[in-house]
Amino acid sequence: MSESTRSRTNNSETIVHEEIINLIDSPELREHLLHNPQLLSGDHYAQIIGGASIGINRKREMLSRLIAAELVAAERNSSDDTFDWYDPEDCIDYIDDCMNALKAVDGNRKVLLISEISFVDNKVGSAITHGPFPVASWQAALAAMKAYADKWSEMTDLSSSYWMIELFNLANDPSCSYPYDGFLQPDYTYYANASGEIQYICREEEGECGEVLDCIVGGIFGPWFKGAYVDLPTPYRKGEILEIDCRPWAPGPCYCLVANSKLDCLYPDGDGQIRCGSIPYGSCFAGWAHTNLMLSPVFRARKATHPLPEACATLQAIELDRIEDLLEECADNKEKEPGWLDIYRHRAC
């Protein structure tokens, strides 16, 4: 390969990788990764695409471009093992299956139920569900969501609202609907912003996890295992206070204190106490246990600027040498905390 060809190849690969990194809203994390791309694997890039708050069609396009870039890289390095968990081709197949299912909605055997989820503030239990509203086709769903937004956007701030769209097959046997024997569960669930753009998707599997690979791949596109987990290398240091605003997918903004390099954290709960959690797993704000979190807080975290809200006074008062003790004390009390309740499906996990 000539030097000019090699340069063009490297540039095209770099361009794709930088476009993917720029999907991250967090300014410090974005700059950290742009200056240290060697820290990222193919799996990391797939995670960023799947977890970003962008339209599902754009995610598919970025995955296709990632495939091309990684194939070139693999050929140059004489290796084809660039993805251990999140193969982009599997991700694209997952997207295509979920989106093609919408075309089969006929208003007869297959129907859609739409619910609006709104967060009125950043307090525990602030989520309000409107619906579900039945529609006979995806086109009807789009028209309904647009009409709703046109009517209410001038009177209500929809920046803290999103749509949950569930696809039900009425021909399914409800007695086999794990774990709710007797009630039908959706085959697919879609999460769209206020304007109706689908950004996250979920294909329901039989049993706790029908196919292990499908659960892994599906995990980067929607709520999975309580939180949209992302394991990106981050620049944050112990003792830093972060502001995180994941609206419309979670209440916000919220604040937490970084406890270690794994991004375990301490945060003020609604009862005035300091609790511990994990930023990558989404357990970093009051009310997280009652939220179906699609967007990982890692994507929206940024160093907090002064002055901070009064609720953060307890965080600011924590001295660096006290963080480990508080984290250990909090972890010991974990068993006393309530279990996660999915308020949209009314199930405890």
Protein backbone atom coordinates (compact mmCIF):
# COMPACT_ATOMS: atom_id res chain seq x y z
CA MET A 1 0.00 0.00 0.00
CA SER A 2 1.43 3.39 -0.99
CA GLU A 3 1.92 6.11 1.61
CA SER A 4 -0.80 8.26 0.01
CA THR A 5 -3.27 5.38 0.06
CA ARG A 6 -2.34 4.55 3.65
CA SER A 7 -2.86 8.19 4.66
CA ARG A 8 -6.31 8.31 3.05
CA THR A 9 -7.21 5.01 4.74
CA ASN A 10 -6.10 6.23 8.15
CA ASN A 11 -7.90 9.54 7.66
CA SER A 12 -11.21 7.89 6.69
CA GLU A 13 -11.01 5.59 9.69
CA THR A 14 -10.17 8.48 12.00
CA ILE A 15 -13.02 10.57 10.62
CA VAL A 16 -15.57 7.83 11.39
CA HIS A 17 -14.18 7.29 14.89
CA GLU A 18 -14.21 11.03 15.64
CA GLU A 19 -17.79 11.36 14.40
CA ILE A 20 -18.81 8.58 16.77
CA ILE A 21 -17.00 10.16 19.73
CA ASN A 22 -18.71 13.47 18.96
CA LEU A 23 -22.06 11.78 19.64
CA ILE A 24 -21.14 12.10 23.33
CA ASP A 25 -22.60 15.22 24.99
CA SER A 26 -20.21 15.21 27.95
CA PRO A 27 -17.54 17.84 27.10
CA GLU A 28 -14.77 16.40 29.29
CA LEU A 29 -15.35 12.81 28.19
CA ARG A 30 -15.61 13.79 24.53
CA GLU A 31 -12.32 15.71 24.60
CA HIS A 32 -10.63 12.93 26.61
CA LEU A 33 -11.52 10.30 24.01
CA LEU A 34 -10.75 12.52 21.01
CA HIS A 35 -7.24 12.98 22.40
CA ASN A 36 -6.85 9.35 23.47
CA PRO A 37 -8.50 7.18 20.78
CA GLN A 38 -6.07 4.37 21.57
CA LEU A 39 -8.16 3.71 24.71
CA LEU A 40 -11.16 2.66 22.62
CA SER A 41 -11.94 -0.71 21.05
CA GLY A 42 -14.46 -1.59 18.35
CA ASP A 43 -16.89 -2.57 21.13
CA HIS A 44 -16.57 0.90 22.65
CA TYR A 45 -17.51 2.56 19.38
CA ALA A 46 -20.53 0.27 19.01
CA GLN A 47 -21.57 1.10 22.58
CA ILE A 48 -21.36 4.82 21.90
CA ILE A 49 -23.52 4.54 18.79
CA GLY A 50 -26.12 2.34 20.46
CA GLY A 51 -26.33 4.44 23.61
CA ALA A 52 -26.29 7.92 22.06
CA SER A 53 -29.46 10.01 22.12
CA ILE A 54 -29.87 10.11 18.33
CA GLY A 55 -32.39 8.65 15.89
CA ILE A 56 -32.32 4.89 15.32
CA ASN A 57 -31.85 5.36 11.57
CA ARG A 58 -28.74 7.43 12.15
CA LYS A 59 -27.48 4.74 14.52
CA ARG A 60 -27.86 2.19 11.74
CA GLU A 61 -25.97 4.44 9.33
CA MET A 62 -23.12 4.97 11.83
CA LEU A 63 -22.90 1.22 12.48
CA SER A 64 -22.56 0.59 8.73
CA ARG A 65 -19.76 3.13 8.54
CA LEU A 66 -18.10 1.59 11.59
CA ILE A 67 -18.13 -1.82 9.89
CA ALA A 68 -16.35 -0.38 6.86
CA ALA A 69 -13.79 1.43 9.01
CA GLU A 70 -13.03 -1.59 11.18
CA LEU A 71 -12.74 -3.89 8.16
CA VAL A 72 -10.07 -1.61 6.75
CA ALA A 73 -8.31 -1.53 10.12
CA ALA A 74 -8.49 -5.30 10.49
CA GLU A 75 -7.05 -5.83 7.01
CA ARG A 76 -4.20 -3.45 7.73
CA ASN A 77 -3.42 -5.13 11.05
CA SER A 78 -3.95 -8.67 9.70
CA SER A 79 -6.66 -9.26 12.30
CA ASP A 80 -10.43 -9.69 12.10
CA ASP A 81 -11.09 -9.79 15.84
CA THR A 82 -12.10 -6.16 16.47
CA PHE A 83 -15.41 -6.84 18.27
CA ASP A 84 -15.74 -9.16 21.26
CA TRP A 85 -19.33 -8.35 22.28
CA TYR A 86 -21.09 -5.83 20.06
CA ASP A 87 -20.67 -6.93 16.46
CA PRO A 88 -22.10 -4.06 14.33
CA GLU A 89 -23.65 -6.54 11.89
CA ASP A 90 -25.58 -8.14 14.76
CA CYS A 91 -26.57 -4.65 15.92
CA ILE A 92 -27.87 -3.75 12.47
CA ASP A 93 -29.84 -7.01 12.28
CA TYR A 94 -31.36 -6.18 15.67
CA ILE A 95 -32.39 -2.69 14.50
CA ASP A 96 -33.82 -4.01 11.22
CA ASP A 97 -35.91 -6.65 12.98
CA CYS A 98 -37.33 -4.12 15.44
CA MET A 99 -38.10 -1.51 12.79
CA ASN A 100 -39.50 -3.98 10.25
CA ALA A 101 -41.91 -5.22 12.93
CA LEU A 102 -43.60 -1.82 12.85
CA LYS A 103 -44.58 -2.41 9.21
CA ALA A 104 -46.53 -5.52 10.24
CA VAL A 105 -48.85 -3.62 12.59
CA ASP A 106 -52.32 -4.05 11.08
CA GLY A 107 -54.66 -2.92 13.85
CA ASN A 108 -56.08 -6.43 13.96
CA ARG A 109 -53.74 -9.03 15.38
CA LYS A 110 -50.90 -6.60 15.91
CA VAL A 111 -51.50 -3.27 17.63
CA LEU A 112 -49.49 -0.44 19.16
CA LEU A 113 -50.03 1.12 22.57
CA ILE A 114 -48.46 4.56 23.11
CA SER A 115 -47.73 6.11 26.50
CA GLU A 116 -46.25 9.51 27.27
CA ILE A 117 -43.73 9.53 30.11
CA SER A 118 -43.10 12.94 31.72
CA PHE A 119 -40.80 14.03 34.53
CA VAL A 120 -42.25 17.01 36.37
CA ASP A 121 -39.08 17.61 38.40
CA ASN A 122 -35.98 15.77 39.63
CA LYS A 123 -37.60 14.31 42.73
CA VAL A 124 -38.39 10.70 43.54
CA GLY A 125 -41.66 9.60 42.01
CA SER A 126 -41.87 12.56 39.65
CA ALA A 127 -42.68 10.44 36.59
CA ILE A 128 -46.21 10.74 35.20
CA THR A 129 -47.58 8.33 32.62
CA HIS A 130 -50.30 9.41 30.17
CA GLY A 131 -51.92 6.56 28.29
CA PRO A 132 -51.68 3.99 26.94
CA PHE A 133 -53.37 5.10 23.73
CA PRO A 134 -54.08 2.40 21.11
CA VAL A 135 -53.25 3.00 17.43
CA ALA A 136 -53.71 0.75 14.41
CA SER A 137 -50.48 1.48 12.51
CA TRP A 138 -47.10 3.15 12.80
CA GLN A 139 -48.24 5.95 10.49
CA ALA A 140 -51.20 6.55 12.78
CA ALA A 141 -48.82 6.62 15.74
CA LEU A 142 -46.62 9.24 14.08
CA ALA A 143 -49.64 11.40 13.25
CA ALA A 144 -50.97 11.13 16.81
CA MET A 145 -47.64 12.04 18.41
CA LYS A 146 -47.23 15.02 16.08
CA ALA A 147 -50.74 16.26 16.79
CA TYR A 148 -50.11 15.92 20.53
CA ALA A 149 -46.82 17.85 20.32
CA ASP A 150 -48.35 20.58 18.14
CA LYS A 151 -51.16 21.08 20.64
CA TRP A 152 -49.21 21.04 23.88
CA SER A 153 -45.71 22.30 23.04
CA GLU A 154 -46.74 25.96 23.40
CA MET A 155 -48.33 25.37 26.80
CA THR A 156 -46.07 22.65 28.23
CA ASP A 157 -42.32 22.08 28.24
CA LEU A 158 -41.93 18.73 26.49
CA SER A 159 -38.16 18.62 26.97
CA SER A 160 -38.70 16.27 29.91
CA SER A 161 -41.10 13.93 28.11
CA TYR A 162 -40.72 10.94 25.85
CA TRP A 163 -42.92 8.31 24.22
CA MET A 164 -42.97 4.60 24.99
CA ILE A 165 -44.53 2.61 22.12
CA GLU A 166 -45.31 -1.06 22.70
CA LEU A 167 -46.09 -3.54 19.93
CA PHE A 168 -48.46 -6.34 20.98
CA ASN A 169 -49.29 -9.47 19.00
CA LEU A 170 -52.80 -10.47 20.09
CA ALA A 171 -52.23 -13.95 18.66
CA ASN A 172 -49.64 -14.72 21.33
CA ASP A 173 -50.54 -17.08 24.15
CA PRO A 174 -50.77 -15.00 27.35
CA SER A 175 -50.18 -18.07 29.51
CA CYS A 176 -46.62 -18.17 28.16
CA SER A 177 -45.94 -14.50 28.84
CA TYR A 178 -43.02 -14.65 31.26
CA PRO A 179 -43.08 -13.50 34.00
CA TYR A 180 -46.69 -12.27 33.88
CA ASP A 181 -48.56 -15.47 33.07
CA GLY A 182 -52.07 -14.53 32.00
CA PHE A 183 -51.28 -11.11 30.54
CA LEU A 184 -49.84 -10.35 27.14
CA GLN A 185 -46.50 -8.59 27.05
CA PRO A 186 -45.18 -6.57 24.11
CA ASP A 187 -42.99 -8.22 21.50
CA TYR A 188 -41.17 -4.93 20.93
CA THR A 189 -40.86 -1.63 22.76
CA TYR A 190 -39.73 1.63 21.19
CA TYR A 191 -38.70 4.85 22.94
CA ALA A 192 -39.09 8.11 21.02
CA ASN A 193 -38.47 11.74 21.85
CA ALA A 194 -41.33 14.25 22.04
CA SER A 195 -41.37 14.70 18.26
CA GLY A 196 -41.78 10.96 17.68
CA GLU A 197 -38.22 10.09 16.62
CA ILE A 198 -37.35 6.57 17.80
CA GLN A 199 -33.99 6.53 19.57
CA TYR A 200 -34.06 3.35 21.67
CA ILE A 201 -35.55 -0.08 21.02
CA CYS A 202 -36.08 -3.33 22.88
CA ARG A 203 -37.01 -6.77 21.58
CA GLU A 204 -38.62 -8.88 24.28
CA GLU A 205 -37.28 -12.40 24.69
CA GLU A 206 -38.94 -15.48 26.11
CA GLY A 207 -37.81 -16.39 29.61
CA GLU A 208 -35.34 -14.28 31.50
CA CYS A 209 -33.17 -13.99 28.42
CA GLY A 210 -34.10 -15.98 25.32
CA GLU A 211 -30.77 -15.65 23.55
CA VAL A 212 -27.63 -14.55 25.38
CA LEU A 213 -26.20 -12.81 22.30
CA ASP A 214 -29.49 -11.03 21.69
CA CYS A 215 -29.56 -9.77 25.28
CA ILE A 216 -26.02 -8.45 24.95
CA VAL A 217 -26.60 -6.70 21.63
CA GLY A 218 -30.03 -5.44 22.66
CA GLY A 219 -28.54 -4.04 25.85
CA ILE A 220 -26.91 -1.11 24.05
CA PHE A 221 -30.17 0.03 22.42
CA GLY A 222 -32.54 0.21 25.38
CA PRO A 223 -33.08 -0.35 29.10
CA TRP A 224 -31.31 -3.52 30.19
CA PHE A 225 -30.31 -4.95 33.56
CA LYS A 226 -31.36 -1.73 35.31
CA GLY A 227 -29.46 0.93 33.51
CA ALA A 228 -27.89 1.63 30.14
CA TYR A 229 -24.42 0.43 31.13
CA VAL A 230 -21.44 1.95 29.34
CA ASP A 231 -17.84 1.07 30.25
CA LEU A 232 -16.01 3.94 28.54
CA PRO A 233 -12.66 5.15 29.93
CA THR A 234 -13.36 8.51 31.57
CA PRO A 235 -11.19 11.43 32.80
CA TYR A 236 -13.00 12.09 36.08
CA ARG A 237 -11.17 11.99 39.39
CA LYS A 238 -12.12 11.08 42.93
CA GLY A 239 -13.77 13.98 44.73
CA GLU A 240 -15.08 15.78 41.64
CA ILE A 241 -18.76 16.75 41.61
CA LEU A 242 -20.55 16.05 38.35
CA GLU A 243 -23.74 17.52 36.96
CA ILE A 244 -25.79 15.01 34.97
CA ASP A 245 -28.85 15.88 32.92
CA CYS A 246 -30.32 12.93 31.00
CA ARG A 247 -33.62 14.59 30.12
CA PRO A 248 -35.95 13.56 28.57
CA TRP A 249 -34.98 10.00 29.54
CA ALA A 250 -34.59 10.70 33.27
CA PRO A 251 -35.29 13.53 35.71
CA GLY A 252 -32.61 16.16 35.91
CA PRO A 253 -30.33 17.81 36.42
CA CYS A 254 -28.78 15.85 39.27
CA TYR A 255 -25.43 15.96 41.05
CA CYS A 256 -23.09 13.30 42.37
CA LEU A 257 -19.57 13.00 43.75
CA VAL A 258 -17.06 10.69 42.07
CA ALA A 259 -15.84 8.10 44.58
CA ASN A 260 -13.23 6.21 42.53
CA SER A 261 -11.93 5.45 39.05
CA LYS A 262 -14.76 2.97 38.44
CA LEU A 263 -17.16 5.92 38.77
CA ASP A 264 -18.86 4.66 41.88
CA CYS A 265 -20.44 7.74 43.36
CA LEU A 266 -22.20 9.41 46.27
CA TYR A 267 -25.37 11.42 45.70
CA PRO A 268 -28.02 13.22 47.82
CA ASP A 269 -31.31 11.36 47.96
CA GLY A 270 -34.74 12.92 48.25
CA ASP A 271 -34.75 12.30 52.01
CA GLY A 272 -31.61 14.38 52.56
CA GLN A 273 -29.31 11.39 53.05
CA ILE A 274 -26.17 10.57 51.08
CA ARG A 275 -26.44 7.35 49.12
CA CYS A 276 -24.01 5.43 46.96
CA GLY A 277 -24.36 4.19 43.43
CA SER A 278 -22.66 3.83 40.06
CA ILE A 279 -22.63 6.39 37.26
CA PRO A 280 -22.09 3.78 34.47
CA TYR A 281 -25.03 1.74 35.80
CA GLY A 282 -27.28 4.78 36.16
CA SER A 283 -27.74 4.61 39.95
CA CYS A 284 -26.51 8.13 40.59
CA PHE A 285 -29.57 10.26 41.34
CA ALA A 286 -32.59 10.28 43.61
CA GLY A 287 -35.32 8.20 42.02
CA TRP A 288 -33.06 6.17 39.70
CA ALA A 289 -34.67 2.94 40.96
CA HIS A 290 -38.00 4.10 39.52
CA THR A 291 -36.69 5.06 36.10
CA ASN A 292 -36.29 3.02 32.93
CA LEU A 293 -33.01 4.64 31.97
CA MET A 294 -32.08 4.42 28.28
CA LEU A 295 -29.35 7.06 28.10
CA SER A 296 -26.33 6.32 30.28
CA PRO A 297 -25.39 9.20 32.60
CA VAL A 298 -21.83 8.79 31.33
CA PHE A 299 -22.92 10.46 28.07
CA ARG A 300 -24.26 13.58 29.83
CA ALA A 301 -21.91 13.98 32.82
CA ARG A 302 -19.93 17.20 33.13
CA LYS A 303 -17.94 18.84 35.90
CA ALA A 304 -20.30 20.92 37.99
CA THR A 305 -19.78 24.67 38.06
CA HIS A 306 -20.39 26.98 40.99
CA PRO A 307 -22.67 27.99 42.53
CA LEU A 308 -24.26 24.59 43.09
CA PRO A 309 -27.84 24.02 44.33
CA GLU A 310 -28.38 24.00 48.09
CA ALA A 311 -29.05 20.26 47.92
CA CYS A 312 -25.39 19.78 47.00
CA ALA A 313 -24.07 21.36 50.19
CA THR A 314 -23.70 17.93 51.78
CA LEU A 315 -21.67 16.72 48.79
CA GLN A 316 -19.39 19.75 48.88
CA ALA A 317 -18.77 19.19 52.60
CA ILE A 318 -17.42 15.65 52.06
CA GLU A 319 -13.66 15.60 52.50
CA LEU A 320 -11.53 13.48 50.20
CA ASP A 321 -10.33 11.13 52.94
CA ARG A 322 -13.93 10.42 54.00
CA ILE A 323 -15.17 9.17 50.64
CA GLU A 324 -14.06 5.55 51.04
CA ASP A 325 -15.62 5.28 54.49
CA LEU A 326 -18.91 6.74 53.29
CA LEU A 327 -18.93 4.44 50.27
CA GLU A 328 -18.34 1.38 52.45
CA GLU A 329 -20.96 2.46 54.98
CA CYS A 330 -23.48 3.04 52.23
CA ALA A 331 -22.76 -0.32 50.62
CA ASP A 332 -23.37 -2.06 53.94
CA ASN A 333 -26.85 -0.49 54.04
CA LYS A 334 -27.76 -1.54 50.49
CA GLU A 335 -29.95 -4.43 51.67
CA LYS A 336 -32.23 -1.94 53.43
CA GLU A 337 -32.99 -0.04 50.23
CA PRO A 338 -36.20 -0.81 48.32
CA GLY A 339 -36.07 -3.07 45.27
CA TRP A 340 -36.33 -1.62 41.81
CA LEU A 341 -39.92 -1.11 40.72
CA ASP A 342 -40.59 -0.69 37.03
CA ILE A 343 -43.34 1.93 37.21
CA TYR A 344 -44.23 1.52 33.56
CA ARG A 345 -44.70 -2.25 33.72
CA HIS A 346 -45.50 -2.43 37.46
CA ARG A 347 -43.00 -5.15 38.20
CA ALA A 348 -40.40 -5.54 40.89
CA CYS A 349 -36.94 -6.76 39.92
